[in-house]
Amino acid sequence: MNTNSLHSDYIIIGAGAAGLFAAGKLTQLGKTVRIIDSEDKPGKKILISGGGYCNFTNIHTSPSHFISDNPHFCTSALSRYSPYHFIELVEKYHIPYHEKVLGQMFCDTSARDIVRMLMFEINQNKLILELQCKVESVTKSDIFFVHTNKGIYSSQSVIVSSGGLSIPKMGASCIGYDIALSFGHTIIPTKPGLVPLIVQAETFPYSDLAGLSIQSEIQTEESPIFKEGLLFTHKGLSGPAILQASSYINHTNSVTINTLIDPSNYAKIAQGDFGKMDWKNALSTIFPKRFAYAWAQYHKQCETYSHYSEKTRKIFADQLMNWQPIIAGNEGYSKAEVTVGGVNTKELSSKTMMSNKIPNLYFIGEVVDVTGHLGGYNFQWAWASAHAISISSN
C-alpha cells in the first residue's frame, strides 16, 4: 500500500458498499485511489445489513423498485450492471448464498464475506485507505482538494459515496450533501426511509400487541401495494410491509392496511357459520388471538357472531380491509435503513454518475436521490452506480 503521496487519480469519500466497489473497479484499471472514511473499518453498514447476513442483491431488480424525483434516472446504470453480474462475482469467491423470499439474496455465513470480497477486488498497490479521517470540505482549482482533519489530499477526480443520514451511530453525516451544495448542486429534500412508524396511541392498543406479526397488504397514496408482514411495536407499526410503505409517506401520512389478504377470509367473516361464538373468537380463527381480541374490544364488537346481521358483518370485514391508522410520525434516521431524497439526479449523468456542473466530480450510492425498496435493491444500486463510473474511466 502506497502511503507516501498526498495525490491520487481518485479520492473516494466513503468506504461503504458503493465506495469499495468503485475502488475495486478503478484500481483494476490501474488508477490510484484514496478512500477516506470517518469510521475505524471499511464496510461497517454492510456488516450489520440483513441481520448480519447481507441481503446483497435482489434478482427481481428493475427501475420500478426505486423511488426518485427523476424515476428513469436509475435505468441506465441498472441495465448495465445486473444482479446476476454481482452474483457471478460472489460465486467467483465461492461465497455460499441463498435466495430467501421475493428474490432476496443473502450470504449463508456472514456479511463479512462480502466485505472481504470487496477488499480482495481492490488492487492494494493502487489503494490508500484513510480511516478515522473526517472530510470537512472539498474545493477545486485545476484539481480537487479534499480538506480533512488529517490534512489536505488532492486528486484529479472525486467520488462522493458518503451515504445518507440513516443510522448516525454508524457514521452517517450530511457531508455528501454539503459537498454537492458547495459545487452548485441541489438536494431533493431528505427523509427517513424503510423506517418504523409511530401511531397515535389512543387509536389502537399497539403497545399491548408489541412483537406480534400478521400478514397484510399496505399502500399509501403514492406507493404500490406491499404484501408482506406487519409487526406491532411499542410505538406503532413496523415489519417489511410497513417499512416499504414508509418510504412513500408524504405530508398526509395516509396508510391503508388490508388485513384480509386471503379473499376467502372476507367471506368467512361476512358469511361464516360461527353461531353463538363470540365475535372475537370468530376473528381468532383467522388472526392471532391477541390481535382478534384487541380488534374486537377496540371496535366494541362484543356480541356473538349470530347477533350481527350479514350486512353488519360485511361492514366489519370492510374495516379489516381498509384500516387507516393515524400516523403520528416515524422513528427517525436512527431506525431508518435508508435516506429518501438526496443529490438531484437531473444534475448528474445517468451513464457515468458525473456531475453535469463540475467535471470529474461523481456521486454514487445512497447520497443520490435514488432509494430502493426493502430487499437488496439498495445494494444493487450501490454496485450499479459504482460500476457506471468504471465504464466512463476505462
Protein backbone atom coordinates (compact mmCIF):
# COMPACT_ATOMS: atom_id res chain seq x y z
CA MET A 1 0.00 0.00 0.00
CA ASN A 2 1.46 3.32 -1.09
CA THR A 3 1.13 5.90 1.69
CA ASN A 4 3.73 8.39 0.55
CA SER A 5 1.79 10.54 -1.88
CA LEU A 6 -0.92 13.03 -0.99
CA HIS A 7 -2.17 12.96 -4.58
CA SER A 8 -4.15 10.25 -6.35
CA ASP A 9 -6.18 9.78 -9.50
CA TYR A 10 -9.38 9.41 -7.48
CA ILE A 11 -10.48 10.23 -3.98
CA ILE A 12 -13.49 8.24 -2.82
CA ILE A 13 -15.35 9.74 0.13
CA GLY A 14 -16.99 6.87 1.98
CA ALA A 15 -15.90 3.25 2.47
CA GLY A 16 -19.35 1.75 2.17
CA ALA A 17 -20.75 -0.58 -0.47
CA ALA A 18 -20.62 1.86 -3.39
CA GLY A 19 -17.24 3.31 -2.45
CA LEU A 20 -15.49 -0.04 -2.01
CA PHE A 21 -16.96 -1.41 -5.20
CA ALA A 22 -15.88 1.67 -7.16
CA ALA A 23 -12.38 1.36 -5.70
CA GLY A 24 -12.15 -2.22 -6.90
CA LYS A 25 -13.19 -1.33 -10.42
CA LEU A 26 -10.90 1.70 -10.67
CA THR A 27 -7.76 0.11 -9.22
CA GLN A 28 -8.20 -2.81 -11.59
CA LEU A 29 -7.99 -0.22 -14.37
CA GLY A 30 -4.65 0.96 -12.96
CA LYS A 31 -6.00 4.09 -11.27
CA THR A 32 -4.63 5.20 -7.91
CA VAL A 33 -7.39 5.59 -5.34
CA ARG A 34 -7.54 7.10 -1.88
CA ILE A 35 -10.59 6.11 0.18
CA ILE A 36 -11.45 8.41 3.06
CA ASP A 37 -13.87 7.33 5.78
CA SER A 38 -14.63 8.61 9.27
CA GLU A 39 -15.10 5.12 10.73
CA ASP A 40 -12.42 2.74 12.03
CA LYS A 41 -13.06 0.00 9.46
CA PRO A 42 -14.48 -0.22 5.94
CA GLY A 43 -17.94 -1.58 5.19
CA LYS A 44 -19.46 -1.19 8.65
CA LYS A 45 -23.03 -0.82 7.35
CA ILE A 46 -22.54 -3.87 5.16
CA LEU A 47 -21.64 -5.89 8.25
CA ILE A 48 -24.94 -5.14 10.01
CA SER A 49 -27.14 -5.46 6.93
CA GLY A 50 -29.60 -8.29 6.57
CA GLY A 51 -29.28 -9.23 10.21
CA GLY A 52 -25.55 -9.77 9.69
CA TYR A 53 -26.04 -11.87 6.54
CA CYS A 54 -26.10 -9.05 3.95
CA ASN A 55 -29.03 -9.05 1.54
CA PHE A 56 -26.56 -8.20 -1.22
CA THR A 57 -28.95 -8.01 -4.19
CA ASN A 58 -32.41 -8.90 -5.48
CA ILE A 59 -32.86 -10.90 -8.67
CA HIS A 60 -36.07 -9.03 -9.49
CA THR A 61 -34.37 -5.62 -9.61
CA SER A 62 -35.95 -3.14 -12.02
CA PRO A 63 -36.37 0.65 -12.06
CA SER A 64 -39.88 0.19 -10.61
CA HIS A 65 -38.29 -0.83 -7.31
CA PHE A 66 -36.75 2.61 -6.77
CA ILE A 67 -38.05 5.98 -5.60
CA SER A 68 -36.67 9.15 -7.15
CA ASP A 69 -37.83 12.59 -8.19
CA ASN A 70 -36.42 11.55 -11.59
CA PRO A 71 -37.70 7.94 -11.81
CA HIS A 72 -35.99 6.97 -15.08
CA PHE A 73 -32.51 8.05 -13.97
CA CYS A 74 -31.52 4.67 -12.49
CA THR A 75 -32.44 2.70 -15.63
CA SER A 76 -29.10 3.11 -17.41
CA ALA A 77 -26.86 2.00 -14.55
CA LEU A 78 -29.13 -0.87 -13.51
CA SER A 79 -29.33 -2.19 -17.06
CA ARG A 80 -25.53 -2.29 -17.43
CA TYR A 81 -24.83 -3.98 -14.11
CA SER A 82 -27.48 -6.52 -13.16
CA PRO A 83 -27.96 -8.65 -10.04
CA TYR A 84 -26.55 -11.58 -11.99
CA HIS A 85 -23.29 -9.74 -12.55
CA PHE A 86 -22.87 -9.36 -8.80
CA ILE A 87 -23.95 -12.94 -8.13
CA GLU A 88 -21.29 -14.06 -10.60
CA LEU A 89 -18.72 -12.15 -8.55
CA VAL A 90 -19.97 -13.74 -5.33
CA GLU A 91 -19.65 -17.18 -6.92
CA LYS A 92 -16.14 -16.35 -8.13
CA TYR A 93 -15.13 -16.01 -4.47
CA HIS A 94 -17.01 -19.21 -3.53
CA ILE A 95 -19.21 -17.35 -1.08
CA PRO A 96 -22.16 -19.55 -0.11
CA TYR A 97 -25.51 -17.78 -0.52
CA HIS A 98 -29.21 -18.48 -0.80
CA GLU A 99 -32.40 -16.89 -2.07
CA LYS A 100 -34.80 -16.02 0.69
CA VAL A 101 -38.21 -14.57 -0.22
CA LEU A 102 -39.18 -12.31 -3.12
CA GLY A 103 -35.80 -12.67 -4.86
CA GLN A 104 -33.70 -11.55 -1.90
CA MET A 105 -30.16 -12.96 -1.94
CA PHE A 106 -28.33 -13.48 1.36
CA CYS A 107 -24.95 -14.83 2.44
CA ASP A 108 -25.17 -18.21 4.15
CA THR A 109 -22.38 -17.49 6.62
CA SER A 110 -21.82 -13.80 7.27
CA ALA A 111 -21.88 -10.32 5.75
CA ARG A 112 -18.12 -10.32 6.38
CA ASP A 113 -17.79 -12.47 3.27
CA ILE A 114 -19.00 -9.55 1.13
CA VAL A 115 -16.66 -7.03 2.79
CA ARG A 116 -13.70 -9.38 2.34
CA MET A 117 -14.63 -9.91 -1.29
CA LEU A 118 -14.83 -6.17 -1.95
CA MET A 119 -11.42 -5.64 -0.34
CA PHE A 120 -9.90 -8.50 -2.35
CA GLU A 121 -11.25 -6.90 -5.52
CA ILE A 122 -9.20 -3.76 -4.81
CA ASN A 123 -5.64 -3.71 -6.13
CA GLN A 124 -3.93 -2.89 -2.82
CA ASN A 125 -0.88 -1.49 -4.63
CA LYS A 126 -3.11 1.24 -6.01
CA LEU A 127 -5.00 1.94 -2.77
CA ILE A 128 -4.53 4.33 0.13
CA LEU A 129 -7.12 3.73 2.84
CA GLU A 130 -7.60 6.64 5.24
CA LEU A 131 -9.78 5.56 8.18
CA GLN A 132 -10.97 7.70 11.08
CA CYS A 133 -10.47 10.59 8.73
CA LYS A 134 -13.27 13.16 8.62
CA VAL A 135 -13.85 15.18 5.45
CA GLU A 136 -14.52 18.82 6.18
CA SER A 137 -14.86 20.26 2.67
CA VAL A 138 -13.86 19.82 -0.97
CA THR A 139 -12.50 22.61 -3.18
CA LYS A 140 -11.31 22.73 -6.77
CA SER A 141 -8.92 24.74 -8.89
CA ASP A 142 -7.31 22.76 -11.70
CA ILE A 143 -7.58 19.69 -9.44
CA PHE A 144 -9.61 18.78 -6.38
CA PHE A 145 -8.51 19.33 -2.79
CA VAL A 146 -10.20 17.34 -0.03
CA HIS A 147 -9.80 19.02 3.35
CA THR A 148 -9.86 16.64 6.32
CA ASN A 149 -8.96 16.54 9.99
CA LYS A 150 -5.75 14.74 8.96
CA GLY A 151 -4.68 17.14 6.26
CA ILE A 152 -5.40 18.09 2.66
CA TYR A 153 -5.38 15.48 -0.12
CA SER A 154 -5.52 16.17 -3.85
CA SER A 155 -6.85 14.23 -6.82
CA GLN A 156 -7.92 14.51 -10.42
CA SER A 157 -11.41 13.19 -9.58
CA VAL A 158 -13.61 12.93 -6.52
CA ILE A 159 -16.31 10.31 -5.95
CA VAL A 160 -18.81 11.09 -3.22
CA SER A 161 -20.18 7.82 -1.82
CA SER A 162 -20.77 9.04 1.72
CA GLY A 163 -24.28 7.63 2.05
CA GLY A 164 -27.27 9.33 3.61
CA LEU A 165 -28.39 10.25 7.09
CA SER A 166 -29.66 6.87 8.24
CA ILE A 167 -28.06 5.09 11.21
CA PRO A 168 -25.96 8.02 12.54
CA LYS A 169 -24.24 5.75 15.08
CA MET A 170 -22.52 4.12 12.09
CA GLY A 171 -21.00 7.40 10.98
CA ALA A 172 -23.79 8.85 8.81
CA SER A 173 -23.47 12.57 8.17
CA CYS A 174 -24.58 15.31 5.78
CA ILE A 175 -21.09 15.76 4.26
CA GLY A 176 -22.13 14.40 0.87
CA TYR A 177 -24.98 16.89 0.61
CA ASP A 178 -22.71 19.71 1.82
CA ILE A 179 -20.19 18.90 -0.91
CA ALA A 180 -22.93 18.82 -3.54
CA LEU A 181 -24.31 22.16 -2.40
CA SER A 182 -20.84 23.74 -2.36
CA PHE A 183 -20.49 22.92 -6.06
CA GLY A 184 -23.88 24.33 -7.02
CA HIS A 185 -25.97 21.16 -6.89
CA THR A 186 -29.45 20.99 -5.42
CA ILE A 187 -30.70 18.44 -2.93
CA ILE A 188 -34.08 16.74 -3.14
CA PRO A 189 -35.40 17.07 0.44
CA THR A 190 -34.40 14.09 2.54
CA LYS A 191 -36.42 11.98 4.98
CA PRO A 192 -36.03 8.63 6.74
CA GLY A 193 -36.96 5.63 4.60
CA LEU A 194 -37.64 1.98 5.43
CA VAL A 195 -38.43 3.13 8.95
CA PRO A 196 -40.92 2.02 11.64
CA LEU A 197 -43.99 4.23 12.06
CA ILE A 198 -45.30 5.85 15.22
CA VAL A 199 -49.08 5.64 15.57
CA GLN A 200 -51.33 7.71 17.82
CA ALA A 201 -51.61 5.56 20.94
CA GLU A 202 -55.29 6.29 21.52
CA THR A 203 -56.29 4.94 18.10
CA PHE A 204 -55.41 1.29 18.83
CA PRO A 205 -53.63 -0.63 21.63
CA TYR A 206 -50.43 -1.17 19.63
CA SER A 207 -48.10 -1.49 22.59
CA ASP A 208 -50.23 -4.32 24.02
CA LEU A 209 -49.54 -6.25 20.81
CA ALA A 210 -45.80 -5.49 20.60
CA GLY A 211 -43.92 -8.36 18.97
CA LEU A 212 -46.99 -9.74 17.19
CA SER A 213 -46.88 -10.09 13.40
CA ILE A 214 -49.68 -10.55 10.87
CA GLN A 215 -49.71 -10.74 7.09
CA SER A 216 -51.12 -7.71 5.32
CA GLU A 217 -51.35 -5.59 2.20
CA ILE A 218 -50.29 -1.99 2.71
CA GLN A 219 -50.20 1.04 0.48
CA THR A 220 -50.05 4.82 0.63
CA GLU A 221 -51.45 7.42 -1.75
CA GLU A 222 -48.34 7.11 -3.95
CA SER A 223 -47.00 3.60 -3.38
CA PRO A 224 -47.67 0.22 -4.95
CA ILE A 225 -49.28 -2.43 -2.74
CA PHE A 226 -46.81 -4.21 -0.47
CA LYS A 227 -47.93 -7.69 0.54
CA GLU A 228 -45.71 -8.71 3.43
CA GLY A 229 -45.61 -8.93 7.22
CA LEU A 230 -46.79 -6.21 9.60
CA LEU A 231 -45.23 -6.07 13.07
CA PHE A 232 -46.68 -4.31 16.11
CA THR A 233 -44.21 -2.36 18.22
CA HIS A 234 -44.40 -0.40 21.47
CA LYS A 235 -44.61 2.79 19.41
CA GLY A 236 -46.75 1.66 16.49
CA LEU A 237 -46.06 -0.43 13.41
CA SER A 238 -43.08 -1.99 11.68
CA GLY A 239 -42.36 -5.14 9.66
CA PRO A 240 -41.48 -5.42 5.95
CA ALA A 241 -44.77 -4.08 4.56
CA ILE A 242 -44.74 -1.03 6.85
CA LEU A 243 -41.07 -0.31 6.15
CA GLN A 244 -41.76 -0.41 2.42
CA ALA A 245 -44.72 1.95 2.70
CA SER A 246 -42.82 4.33 4.99
CA SER A 247 -40.56 5.47 2.16
CA TYR A 248 -43.60 6.76 0.26
CA ILE A 249 -45.43 8.50 3.09
CA ASN A 250 -45.96 12.19 2.36
CA HIS A 251 -47.31 15.03 4.46
CA THR A 252 -50.76 13.40 4.67
CA ASN A 253 -49.31 10.36 6.49
CA SER A 254 -52.05 8.24 4.93
CA VAL A 255 -51.64 4.46 5.09
CA THR A 256 -54.26 1.85 4.21
CA ILE A 257 -53.88 -1.66 5.60
CA ASN A 258 -55.74 -4.74 4.39
CA THR A 259 -55.54 -7.50 6.99
CA LEU A 260 -57.80 -9.82 4.97
CA ILE A 261 -55.35 -10.62 2.18
CA ASP A 262 -56.94 -14.02 1.55
CA PRO A 263 -60.31 -13.32 -0.19
CA SER A 264 -61.81 -16.41 1.43
CA ASN A 265 -61.35 -14.78 4.82
CA TYR A 266 -63.69 -11.95 3.85
CA ALA A 267 -66.40 -14.47 3.07
CA LYS A 268 -65.57 -16.39 6.24
CA ILE A 269 -66.19 -13.30 8.37
CA ALA A 270 -69.20 -11.98 6.47
CA GLN A 271 -70.99 -15.26 5.76
CA GLY A 272 -69.42 -17.78 8.14
CA ASP A 273 -71.14 -20.29 10.38
CA PHE A 274 -69.97 -19.33 13.87
CA GLY A 275 -73.39 -19.29 15.52
CA LYS A 276 -73.22 -18.14 19.14
CA MET A 277 -69.44 -17.89 19.20
CA ASP A 278 -68.22 -14.53 20.47
CA TRP A 279 -67.15 -12.23 17.63
CA LYS A 280 -63.60 -12.04 18.99
CA ASN A 281 -63.33 -15.82 18.93
CA ALA A 282 -64.66 -15.93 15.38
CA LEU A 283 -61.92 -13.47 14.40
CA SER A 284 -59.32 -15.60 16.16
CA THR A 285 -59.98 -18.41 13.65
CA ILE A 286 -58.30 -16.11 11.11
CA PHE A 287 -55.99 -13.88 13.16
CA PRO A 288 -53.71 -14.43 16.16
CA LYS A 289 -55.86 -14.34 19.31
CA ARG A 290 -54.15 -11.23 20.71
CA PHE A 291 -54.97 -9.24 17.60
CA ALA A 292 -58.51 -10.61 17.30
CA TYR A 293 -59.33 -9.76 20.91
CA ALA A 294 -57.79 -6.29 20.73
CA TRP A 295 -59.56 -5.50 17.46
CA ALA A 296 -62.96 -6.63 18.73
CA GLN A 297 -62.57 -4.76 22.00
CA TYR A 298 -61.41 -1.52 20.38
CA HIS A 299 -64.26 -1.58 17.85
CA LYS A 300 -66.78 -2.59 20.53
CA GLN A 301 -67.68 -5.76 18.66
CA CYS A 302 -68.61 -7.60 21.83
CA GLU A 303 -71.63 -9.66 20.81
CA THR A 304 -71.90 -13.18 19.45
CA TYR A 305 -71.40 -13.82 15.77
CA SER A 306 -75.08 -14.56 15.15
CA HIS A 307 -76.11 -11.33 16.87
CA TYR A 308 -74.86 -9.33 13.87
CA SER A 309 -76.65 -9.27 10.53
CA GLU A 310 -74.78 -10.21 7.36
CA LYS A 311 -74.81 -6.54 6.35
CA THR A 312 -73.14 -5.57 9.65
CA ARG A 313 -70.60 -8.38 9.34
CA LYS A 314 -69.66 -7.10 5.88
CA ILE A 315 -69.11 -3.64 7.38
CA PHE A 316 -66.84 -5.24 9.99
CA ALA A 317 -64.95 -7.10 7.24
CA ASP A 318 -64.56 -3.86 5.28
CA GLN A 319 -62.98 -2.27 8.36
CA LEU A 320 -60.39 -5.02 8.40
CA MET A 321 -59.70 -4.50 4.69
CA ASN A 322 -59.41 -0.72 4.88
CA TRP A 323 -57.77 0.01 8.20
CA GLN A 324 -56.29 3.52 8.25
CA PRO A 325 -54.35 4.06 11.48
CA ILE A 326 -53.46 7.65 12.33
CA ILE A 327 -49.72 8.01 11.75
CA ALA A 328 -48.04 10.45 14.12
CA GLY A 329 -44.60 10.19 12.53
CA ASN A 330 -41.70 7.76 12.28
CA GLU A 331 -38.80 6.64 14.44
CA GLY A 332 -36.32 8.84 12.59
CA TYR A 333 -32.93 8.34 11.00
CA SER A 334 -31.65 6.31 13.95
CA LYS A 335 -34.01 3.47 13.00
CA ALA A 336 -34.22 4.12 9.25
CA GLU A 337 -32.45 1.74 6.90
CA VAL A 338 -32.10 4.33 4.13
CA THR A 339 -32.46 8.00 3.33
CA VAL A 340 -35.07 9.06 0.77
CA GLY A 341 -34.02 12.06 -1.34
CA GLY A 342 -30.50 13.32 -1.97
CA VAL A 343 -28.41 14.82 -4.76
CA ASN A 344 -30.68 15.86 -7.60
CA THR A 345 -30.23 13.31 -10.41
CA LYS A 346 -31.25 15.86 -13.04
CA GLU A 347 -27.80 17.36 -12.43
CA LEU A 348 -25.92 14.09 -12.97
CA SER A 349 -25.13 11.94 -15.99
CA SER A 350 -27.18 8.74 -15.80
CA LYS A 351 -24.44 6.93 -17.78
CA THR A 352 -21.38 7.98 -15.77
CA MET A 353 -22.76 9.43 -12.50
CA MET A 354 -20.61 12.52 -13.16
CA SER A 355 -21.82 15.96 -12.20
CA ASN A 356 -23.20 17.98 -15.11
CA LYS A 357 -21.84 21.07 -13.37
CA ILE A 358 -18.31 20.04 -12.31
CA PRO A 359 -16.24 17.68 -14.50
CA ASN A 360 -14.73 14.68 -12.66
CA LEU A 361 -17.00 15.05 -9.63
CA TYR A 362 -19.18 11.97 -9.13
CA PHE A 363 -21.99 10.95 -6.79
CA ILE A 364 -22.96 7.31 -6.25
CA GLY A 365 -24.99 5.14 -3.90
CA GLU A 366 -27.33 6.41 -1.21
CA VAL A 367 -26.22 10.06 -1.35
CA VAL A 368 -28.02 10.26 -4.71
CA ASP A 369 -31.80 10.72 -4.94
CA VAL A 370 -32.38 7.05 -5.77
CA THR A 371 -33.87 4.92 -2.98
CA GLY A 372 -34.63 1.24 -3.33
CA HIS A 373 -37.34 -0.87 -1.80
CA LEU A 374 -36.53 -3.24 1.03
CA GLY A 375 -34.86 -6.48 -0.01
CA GLY A 376 -31.43 -5.93 -1.56
CA TYR A 377 -32.33 -3.21 -4.03
CA ASN A 378 -30.24 -0.50 -2.36
CA PHE A 379 -27.16 -2.70 -2.51
CA GLN A 380 -27.81 -3.33 -6.19
CA TRP A 381 -27.99 0.43 -6.75
CA ALA A 382 -24.65 0.80 -4.95
CA TRP A 383 -23.00 -1.79 -7.23
CA ALA A 384 -24.61 -0.45 -10.41
CA SER A 385 -23.90 3.23 -9.78
CA ALA A 386 -20.27 2.46 -8.88
CA HIS A 387 -19.88 0.32 -11.99
CA ALA A 388 -21.09 3.24 -14.13
CA ILE A 389 -18.03 5.26 -13.12
CA SER A 390 -15.64 2.48 -14.11
CA ILE A 391 -17.14 2.36 -17.58
CA SER A 392 -16.51 6.08 -18.07
CA SER A 393 -12.95 5.70 -16.74
CA ASN A 394 -11.95 2.77 -18.95
